[in-house]
């Protein structure tokens, strides 16, 4: 079952780059939102996880804050 994946990032965050590379390398499609420039996306991220930490990765209704490859693999069934 395909999951909707949203990634909230900032352009200078090295962990954001690592998370996106991991998703790309594993063929996972995702929507990226730059919260440094997109106020609506930043507010949506705050509603979901009550934090401004990036990357914030949302899988349907689940939220993972930060880049943790093991957790990403588990949530995505890899």
PDB file of N, CA and C in Angstrom:
ATOM      1  N   UNK A   1       0.844  -1.176   0.000  1.00  0.00           N
ATOM      2  CA  UNK A   1       0.000   0.000   0.000  1.00  0.00           C
ATOM      3  C   UNK A   1       0.890   1.241   0.000  1.00  0.00           C
ATOM      4  N   UNK A   2       0.673   2.119  -0.949  1.00  0.00           N
ATOM      5  CA  UNK A   2       1.445   3.356  -1.028  1.00  0.00           C
ATOM      6  C   UNK A   2       1.008   4.300   0.089  1.00  0.00           C
ATOM      7  N   UNK A   3       1.976   4.917   0.690  1.00  0.00           N
ATOM      8  CA  UNK A   3       1.690   5.858   1.772  1.00  0.00           C
ATOM      9  C   UNK A   3       1.991   7.261   1.269  1.00  0.00           C
ATOM     10  N   UNK A   4       1.196   8.214   1.733  1.00  0.00           N
ATOM     11  CA  UNK A   4       1.475   9.602   1.418  1.00  0.00           C
ATOM     12  C   UNK A   4       2.613  10.055   2.328  1.00  0.00           C
ATOM     13  N   UNK A   5       3.702  10.519   1.727  1.00  0.00           N
ATOM     14  CA  UNK A   5       4.872  10.943   2.491  1.00  0.00           C
ATOM     15  C   UNK A   5       5.099  12.428   2.232  1.00  0.00           C
ATOM     16  N   UNK A   6       5.168  13.197   3.316  1.00  0.00           N
ATOM     17  CA  UNK A   6       5.477  14.622   3.245  1.00  0.00           C
ATOM     18  C   UNK A   6       6.739  14.864   4.053  1.00  0.00           C
ATOM     19  N   UNK A   7       7.650  15.666   3.491  1.00  0.00           N
ATOM     20  CA  UNK A   7       8.902  15.974   4.165  1.00  0.00           C
ATOM     21  C   UNK A   7       8.998  17.489   4.317  1.00  0.00           C
ATOM     22  N   UNK A   8       9.083  17.931   5.558  1.00  0.00           N
ATOM     23  CA  UNK A   8       9.227  19.356   5.857  1.00  0.00           C
ATOM     24  C   UNK A   8      10.704  19.619   6.103  1.00  0.00           C
ATOM     25  N   UNK A   9      11.280  20.559   5.341  1.00  0.00           N
ATOM     26  CA  UNK A   9      12.717  20.773   5.341  1.00  0.00           C
ATOM     27  C   UNK A   9      13.079  22.261   5.387  1.00  0.00           C
ATOM     28  N   UNK A  10      14.376  22.499   5.546  1.00  0.00           N
ATOM     29  CA  UNK A  10      14.958  23.817   5.287  1.00  0.00           C
ATOM     30  C   UNK A  10      16.150  23.586   4.357  1.00  0.00           C
ATOM     31  N   UNK A  11      16.521  24.586   3.582  1.00  0.00           N
ATOM     32  CA  UNK A  11      17.590  24.395   2.588  1.00  0.00           C
ATOM     33  C   UNK A  11      18.968  24.109   3.177  1.00  0.00           C
ATOM     34  N   UNK A  12      19.239  24.541   4.397  1.00  0.00           N
ATOM     35  CA  UNK A  12      20.578  24.384   4.966  1.00  0.00           C
ATOM     36  C   UNK A  12      20.724  23.187   5.901  1.00  0.00           C
ATOM     37  N   UNK A  13      19.684  22.430   6.088  1.00  0.00           N
ATOM     38  CA  UNK A  13      19.697  21.312   7.036  1.00  0.00           C
ATOM     39  C   UNK A  13      20.350  20.071   6.425  1.00  0.00           C
ATOM     40  N   UNK A  14      21.496  19.613   6.975  1.00  0.00           N
ATOM     41  CA  UNK A  14      22.146  18.425   6.424  1.00  0.00           C
ATOM     42  C   UNK A  14      21.318  17.150   6.627  1.00  0.00           C
ATOM     43  N   UNK A  15      20.565  17.068   7.720  1.00  0.00           N
ATOM     44  CA  UNK A  15      19.734  15.883   7.961  1.00  0.00           C
ATOM     45  C   UNK A  15      18.556  15.834   6.996  1.00  0.00           C
ATOM     46  N   UNK A  16      18.082  16.985   6.569  1.00  0.00           N
ATOM     47  CA  UNK A  16      17.025  17.039   5.552  1.00  0.00           C
ATOM     48  C   UNK A  16      17.544  16.443   4.246  1.00  0.00           C
ATOM     49  N   UNK A  17      18.762  16.819   3.893  1.00  0.00           N
ATOM     50  CA  UNK A  17      19.375  16.292   2.663  1.00  0.00           C
ATOM     51  C   UNK A  17      19.547  14.773   2.765  1.00  0.00           C
ATOM     52  N   UNK A  18      19.965  14.300   3.940  1.00  0.00           N
ATOM     53  CA  UNK A  18      20.139  12.857   4.139  1.00  0.00           C
ATOM     54  C   UNK A  18      18.808  12.129   4.024  1.00  0.00           C
ATOM     55  N   UNK A  19      17.756  12.689   4.612  1.00  0.00           N
ATOM     56  CA  UNK A  19      16.434  12.062   4.556  1.00  0.00           C
ATOM     57  C   UNK A  19      15.933  11.995   3.123  1.00  0.00           C
ATOM     58  N   UNK A  20      16.084  13.083   2.375  1.00  0.00           N
ATOM     59  CA  UNK A  20      15.625  13.098   0.980  1.00  0.00           C
ATOM     60  C   UNK A  20      16.433  12.122   0.131  1.00  0.00           C
ATOM     61  N   UNK A  21      17.746  12.045   0.363  1.00  0.00           N
ATOM     62  CA  UNK A  21      18.568  11.092  -0.382  1.00  0.00           C
ATOM     63  C   UNK A  21      18.127   9.663  -0.077  1.00  0.00           C
ATOM     64  N   UNK A  22      17.867   9.369   1.186  1.00  0.00           N
ATOM     65  CA  UNK A  22      17.399   8.033   1.560  1.00  0.00           C
ATOM     66  C   UNK A  22      16.086   7.701   0.827  1.00  0.00           C
ATOM     67  N   UNK A  23      15.147   8.625   0.844  1.00  0.00           N
ATOM     68  CA  UNK A  23      13.871   8.394   0.166  1.00  0.00           C
ATOM     69  C   UNK A  23      14.071   8.218  -1.334  1.00  0.00           C
ATOM     70  N   UNK A  24      14.882   9.087  -1.939  1.00  0.00           N
ATOM     71  CA  UNK A  24      15.162   8.978  -3.376  1.00  0.00           C
ATOM     72  C   UNK A  24      15.826   7.644  -3.705  1.00  0.00           C
ATOM     73  N   UNK A  25      16.843   7.272  -2.930  1.00  0.00           N
ATOM     74  CA  UNK A  25      17.584   6.026  -3.176  1.00  0.00           C
ATOM     75  C   UNK A  25      16.695   4.797  -3.069  1.00  0.00           C
ATOM     76  N   UNK A  26      15.621   4.894  -2.278  1.00  0.00           N
ATOM     77  CA  UNK A  26      14.716   3.759  -2.089  1.00  0.00           C
ATOM     78  C   UNK A  26      13.442   3.876  -2.915  1.00  0.00           C
ATOM     79  N   UNK A  27      13.405   4.839  -3.824  1.00  0.00           N
ATOM     80  CA  UNK A  27      12.271   4.972  -4.744  1.00  0.00           C
ATOM     81  C   UNK A  27      10.982   5.400  -4.066  1.00  0.00           C
ATOM     82  N   UNK A  28      11.081   6.093  -2.950  1.00  0.00           N
ATOM     83  CA  UNK A  28       9.893   6.546  -2.221  1.00  0.00           C
ATOM     84  C   UNK A  28       9.505   7.923  -2.738  1.00  0.00           C
ATOM     85  N   UNK A  29       8.295   8.041  -3.221  1.00  0.00           N
ATOM     86  CA  UNK A  29       7.800   9.333  -3.686  1.00  0.00           C
ATOM     87  C   UNK A  29       7.343  10.151  -2.481  1.00  0.00           C
ATOM     88  N   UNK A  30       7.651  11.449  -2.508  1.00  0.00           N
ATOM     89  CA  UNK A  30       7.288  12.318  -1.394  1.00  0.00           C
ATOM     90  C   UNK A  30       7.077  13.735  -1.893  1.00  0.00           C
ATOM     91  N   UNK A  31       6.381  14.491  -1.074  1.00  0.00           N
ATOM     92  CA  UNK A  31       6.215  15.918  -1.310  1.00  0.00           C
ATOM     93  C   UNK A  31       7.144  16.627  -0.335  1.00  0.00           C
ATOM     94  N   UNK A  32       7.886  17.609  -0.841  1.00  0.00           N
ATOM     95  CA  UNK A  32       8.785  18.371   0.017  1.00  0.00           C
ATOM     96  C   UNK A  32       8.222  19.767   0.238  1.00  0.00           C
ATOM     97  N   UNK A  33       8.318  20.234   1.481  1.00  0.00           N
ATOM     98  CA  UNK A  33       7.872  21.572   1.839  1.00  0.00           C
ATOM     99  C   UNK A  33       9.011  22.294   2.538  1.00  0.00           C
ATOM    100  N   UNK A  34       9.429  23.433   1.986  1.00  0.00           N
ATOM    101  CA  UNK A  34      10.490  24.245   2.557  1.00  0.00           C
ATOM    102  C   UNK A  34       9.864  25.179   3.591  1.00  0.00           C
ATOM    103  N   UNK A  35      10.002  24.841   4.855  1.00  0.00           N
ATOM    104  CA  UNK A  35       9.351  25.616   5.915  1.00  0.00           C
ATOM    105  C   UNK A  35      10.057  26.936   6.200  1.00  0.00           C
ATOM    106  N   UNK A  36      11.239  27.125   5.629  1.00  0.00           N
ATOM    107  CA  UNK A  36      11.917  28.413   5.773  1.00  0.00           C
ATOM    108  C   UNK A  36      11.229  29.473   4.915  1.00  0.00           C
ATOM    109  N   UNK A  37      10.603  29.051   3.829  1.00  0.00           N
ATOM    110  CA  UNK A  37       9.972  29.984   2.900  1.00  0.00           C
ATOM    111  C   UNK A  37       8.449  29.871   2.858  1.00  0.00           C
ATOM    112  N   UNK A  38       7.915  28.713   3.202  1.00  0.00           N
ATOM    113  CA  UNK A  38       6.480  28.446   3.064  1.00  0.00           C
ATOM    114  C   UNK A  38       5.803  28.517   4.437  1.00  0.00           C
ATOM    115  N   UNK A  39       5.188  29.646   4.726  1.00  0.00           N
ATOM    116  CA  UNK A  39       4.566  29.861   6.036  1.00  0.00           C
ATOM    117  C   UNK A  39       3.436  28.860   6.293  1.00  0.00           C
ATOM    118  N   UNK A  40       2.621  28.573   5.284  1.00  0.00           N
ATOM    119  CA  UNK A  40       1.511  27.626   5.453  1.00  0.00           C
ATOM    120  C   UNK A  40       2.036  26.232   5.792  1.00  0.00           C
ATOM    121  N   UNK A  41       3.113  25.813   5.138  1.00  0.00           N
ATOM    122  CA  UNK A  41       3.707  24.502   5.426  1.00  0.00           C
ATOM    123  C   UNK A  41       4.288  24.475   6.831  1.00  0.00           C
ATOM    124  N   UNK A  42       4.929  25.564   7.240  1.00  0.00           N
ATOM    125  CA  UNK A  42       5.494  25.654   8.598  1.00  0.00           C
ATOM    126  C   UNK A  42       4.387  25.530   9.638  1.00  0.00           C
ATOM    127  N   UNK A  43       3.259  26.199   9.410  1.00  0.00           N
ATOM    128  CA  UNK A  43       2.125  26.117  10.343  1.00  0.00           C
ATOM    129  C   UNK A  43       1.537  24.710  10.369  1.00  0.00           C
ATOM    130  N   UNK A  44       1.446  24.069   9.198  1.00  0.00           N
ATOM    131  CA  UNK A  44       0.938  22.692   9.136  1.00  0.00           C
ATOM    132  C   UNK A  44       1.859  21.758   9.918  1.00  0.00           C
ATOM    133  N   UNK A  45       3.186  21.928   9.761  1.00  0.00           N
ATOM    134  CA  UNK A  45       4.145  21.104  10.484  1.00  0.00           C
ATOM    135  C   UNK A  45       3.988  21.309  11.988  1.00  0.00           C
ATOM    136  N   UNK A  46       3.810  22.538  12.414  1.00  0.00           N
ATOM    137  CA  UNK A  46       3.622  22.837  13.842  1.00  0.00           C
ATOM    138  C   UNK A  46       2.363  22.161  14.392  1.00  0.00           C
ATOM    139  N   UNK A  47       1.286  22.161  13.612  1.00  0.00           N
ATOM    140  CA  UNK A  47       0.047  21.499  14.050  1.00  0.00           C
ATOM    141  C   UNK A  47       0.255  19.998  14.207  1.00  0.00           C
ATOM    142  N   UNK A  48       1.033  19.404  13.322  1.00  0.00           N
ATOM    143  CA  UNK A  48       1.220  17.957  13.334  1.00  0.00           C
ATOM    144  C   UNK A  48       2.157  17.486  14.430  1.00  0.00           C
ATOM    145  N   UNK A  49       3.245  18.232  14.686  1.00  0.00           N
ATOM    146  CA  UNK A  49       4.236  17.696  15.622  1.00  0.00           C
ATOM    147  C   UNK A  49       4.614  18.661  16.730  1.00  0.00           C
ATOM    148  N   UNK A  50       4.019  19.830  16.761  1.00  0.00           N
ATOM    149  CA  UNK A  50       4.264  20.807  17.834  1.00  0.00           C
ATOM    150  C   UNK A  50       5.744  21.127  17.990  1.00  0.00           C
ATOM    151  N   UNK A  51       6.445  21.202  16.855  1.00  0.00           N
ATOM    152  CA  UNK A  51       7.883  21.462  16.876  1.00  0.00           C
ATOM    153  C   UNK A  51       8.288  22.128  15.567  1.00  0.00           C
ATOM    154  N   UNK A  52       9.399  22.834  15.598  1.00  0.00           N
ATOM    155  CA  UNK A  52       9.967  23.407  14.380  1.00  0.00           C
ATOM    156  C   UNK A  52      11.203  22.630  13.923  1.00  0.00           C
ATOM    157  N   UNK A  53      11.414  21.451  14.492  1.00  0.00           N
ATOM    158  CA  UNK A  53      12.571  20.642  14.126  1.00  0.00           C
ATOM    159  C   UNK A  53      12.405  20.085  12.710  1.00  0.00           C
ATOM    160  N   UNK A  54      13.516  20.073  11.974  1.00  0.00           N
ATOM    161  CA  UNK A  54      13.517  19.489  10.636  1.00  0.00           C
ATOM    162  C   UNK A  54      14.652  18.477  10.541  1.00  0.00           C
ATOM    163  N   UNK A  55      14.515  17.464   9.715  1.00  0.00           N
ATOM    164  CA  UNK A  55      13.337  17.222   8.911  1.00  0.00           C
ATOM    165  C   UNK A  55      12.194  16.641   9.744  1.00  0.00           C
ATOM    166  N   UNK A  56      11.001  16.976   9.352  1.00  0.00           N
ATOM    167  CA  UNK A  56       9.812  16.327   9.883  1.00  0.00           C
ATOM    168  C   UNK A  56       9.227  15.538   8.725  1.00  0.00           C
ATOM    169  N   UNK A  57       9.047  14.241   8.936  1.00  0.00           N
ATOM    170  CA  UNK A  57       8.565  13.362   7.879  1.00  0.00           C
ATOM    171  C   UNK A  57       7.231  12.791   8.329  1.00  0.00           C
ATOM    172  N   UNK A  58       6.202  13.004   7.515  1.00  0.00           N
ATOM    173  CA  UNK A  58       4.858  12.530   7.844  1.00  0.00           C
ATOM    174  C   UNK A  58       4.459  11.417   6.894  1.00  0.00           C
ATOM    175  N   UNK A  59       3.984  10.322   7.470  1.00  0.00           N
ATOM    176  CA  UNK A  59       3.485   9.168   6.724  1.00  0.00           C
ATOM    177  C   UNK A  59       2.019   9.048   7.065  1.00  0.00           C
ATOM    178  N   UNK A  60       1.154   9.458   6.152  1.00  0.00           N
ATOM    179  CA  UNK A  60      -0.268   9.458   6.441  1.00  0.00           C
ATOM    180  C   UNK A  60      -0.487  10.243   7.738  1.00  0.00           C
ATOM    181  N   UNK A  61      -0.832   9.591   8.844  1.00  0.00           N
ATOM    182  CA  UNK A  61      -1.071  10.304  10.098  1.00  0.00           C
ATOM    183  C   UNK A  61       0.065  10.144  11.109  1.00  0.00           C
ATOM    184  N   UNK A  62       1.148   9.467  10.737  1.00  0.00           N
ATOM    185  CA  UNK A  62       2.287   9.280  11.630  1.00  0.00           C
ATOM    186  C   UNK A  62       3.328  10.363  11.368  1.00  0.00           C
ATOM    187  N   UNK A  63       4.077  10.724  12.406  1.00  0.00           N
ATOM    188  CA  UNK A  63       5.092  11.770  12.287  1.00  0.00           C
ATOM    189  C   UNK A  63       6.417  11.255  12.829  1.00  0.00           C
ATOM    190  N   UNK A  64       7.487  11.491  12.067  1.00  0.00           N
ATOM    191  CA  UNK A  64       8.839  11.176  12.497  1.00  0.00           C
ATOM    192  C   UNK A  64       9.644  12.468  12.417  1.00  0.00           C
ATOM    193  N   UNK A  65      10.180  12.910  13.547  1.00  0.00           N
ATOM    194  CA  UNK A  65      10.974  14.136  13.582  1.00  0.00           C
ATOM    195  C   UNK A  65      12.438  13.752  13.597  1.00  0.00           C
ATOM    196  N   UNK A  66      13.201  14.290  12.648  1.00  0.00           N
ATOM    197  CA  UNK A  66      14.618  13.982  12.528  1.00  0.00           C
ATOM    198  C   UNK A  66      14.846  12.860  11.531  1.00  0.00           C
ATOM    199  N   UNK A  67      16.116  12.628  11.210  1.00  0.00           N
ATOM    200  CA  UNK A  67      16.472  11.562  10.278  1.00  0.00           C
ATOM    201  C   UNK A  67      16.975  10.362  11.061  1.00  0.00           C
ATOM    202  N   UNK A  68      16.205   9.287  11.026  1.00  0.00           N
ATOM    203  CA  UNK A  68      16.564   8.036  11.678  1.00  0.00           C
ATOM    204  C   UNK A  68      16.296   6.931  10.657  1.00  0.00           C
ATOM    205  N   UNK A  69      17.370   6.451  10.032  1.00  0.00           N
ATOM    206  CA  UNK A  69      17.212   5.495   8.945  1.00  0.00           C
ATOM    207  C   UNK A  69      16.471   4.229   9.376  1.00  0.00           C
ATOM    208  N   UNK A  70      16.754   3.722  10.556  1.00  0.00           N
ATOM    209  CA  UNK A  70      16.082   2.500  11.029  1.00  0.00           C
ATOM    210  C   UNK A  70      14.579   2.724  11.163  1.00  0.00           C
ATOM    211  N   UNK A  71      14.184   3.862  11.739  1.00  0.00           N
ATOM    212  CA  UNK A  71      12.743   4.151  11.867  1.00  0.00           C
ATOM    213  C   UNK A  71      12.097   4.352  10.501  1.00  0.00           C
ATOM    214  N   UNK A  72      12.802   5.028   9.586  1.00  0.00           N
ATOM    215  CA  UNK A  72      12.258   5.203   8.238  1.00  0.00           C
ATOM    216  C   UNK A  72      12.038   3.852   7.570  1.00  0.00           C
ATOM    217  N   UNK A  73      13.027   2.972   7.679  1.00  0.00           N
ATOM    218  CA  UNK A  73      12.899   1.639   7.074  1.00  0.00           C
ATOM    219  C   UNK A  73      11.698   0.892   7.668  1.00  0.00           C
ATOM    220  N   UNK A  74      11.543   0.969   8.981  1.00  0.00           N
ATOM    221  CA  UNK A  74      10.440   0.261   9.638  1.00  0.00           C
ATOM    222  C   UNK A  74       9.091   0.821   9.192  1.00  0.00           C
ATOM    223  N   UNK A  75       8.965   2.156   9.169  1.00  0.00           N
ATOM    224  CA  UNK A  75       7.687   2.765   8.797  1.00  0.00           C
ATOM    225  C   UNK A  75       7.341   2.525   7.340  1.00  0.00           C
ATOM    226  N   UNK A  76       8.366   2.418   6.484  1.00  0.00           N
ATOM    227  CA  UNK A  76       8.126   2.233   5.060  1.00  0.00           C
ATOM    228  C   UNK A  76       8.160   0.771   4.642  1.00  0.00           C
ATOM    229  N   UNK A  77       8.433  -0.117   5.583  1.00  0.00           N
ATOM    230  CA  UNK A  77       8.463  -1.549   5.264  1.00  0.00           C
ATOM    231  C   UNK A  77       9.637  -1.943   4.370  1.00  0.00           C
ATOM    232  N   UNK A  78      10.773  -1.300   4.561  1.00  0.00           N
ATOM    233  CA  UNK A  78      11.959  -1.588   3.736  1.00  0.00           C
ATOM    234  C   UNK A  78      12.879  -2.580   4.430  1.00  0.00           C
TER     235      UNK A  78
END
